[in-house]
Amino acid sequence: FTSANESAPSLTNGMRGRGDGVKYMCALTNDALGNCTPCVVLKPSGRVITVEALNKLIRDGPGEMLDPFKQVLLKDTDIIFLQRGACGFAGSGVELEAEKYAPS
């Protein structure tokens, strides 16, 4: 994770300097990372970026997928999706569906 300290470039949505507890930021776009921000880890560099940055800057970019930090070609297996944290509600962000139904 990239630490979001005061010496970092400004974070989006005016989050820097607000004292709202932003600890980490996207290594590519400097967006603030929170519990509800979908993130991925790039295996070659070990950097954490947002899924939005992955889709807009790496996957949709010209040519093949390239790790912007190590300049290495990326495969789909080099992208690890992180599970988002909860917001305090017991069932938030989880879709559960029974695979086997038992008689009641």
Foldseek 3Di string as FASTA:
>chain_A
DAFDDQVDPQEPPRPPPPPPPQTDAAPPRRHTDDLPFKWKAQQVVRGIHGVVCCVPPAPPDPDAGADPPPRHGDDPVRIGIDHGHDPPDPCPPDDDDDPDDDDD
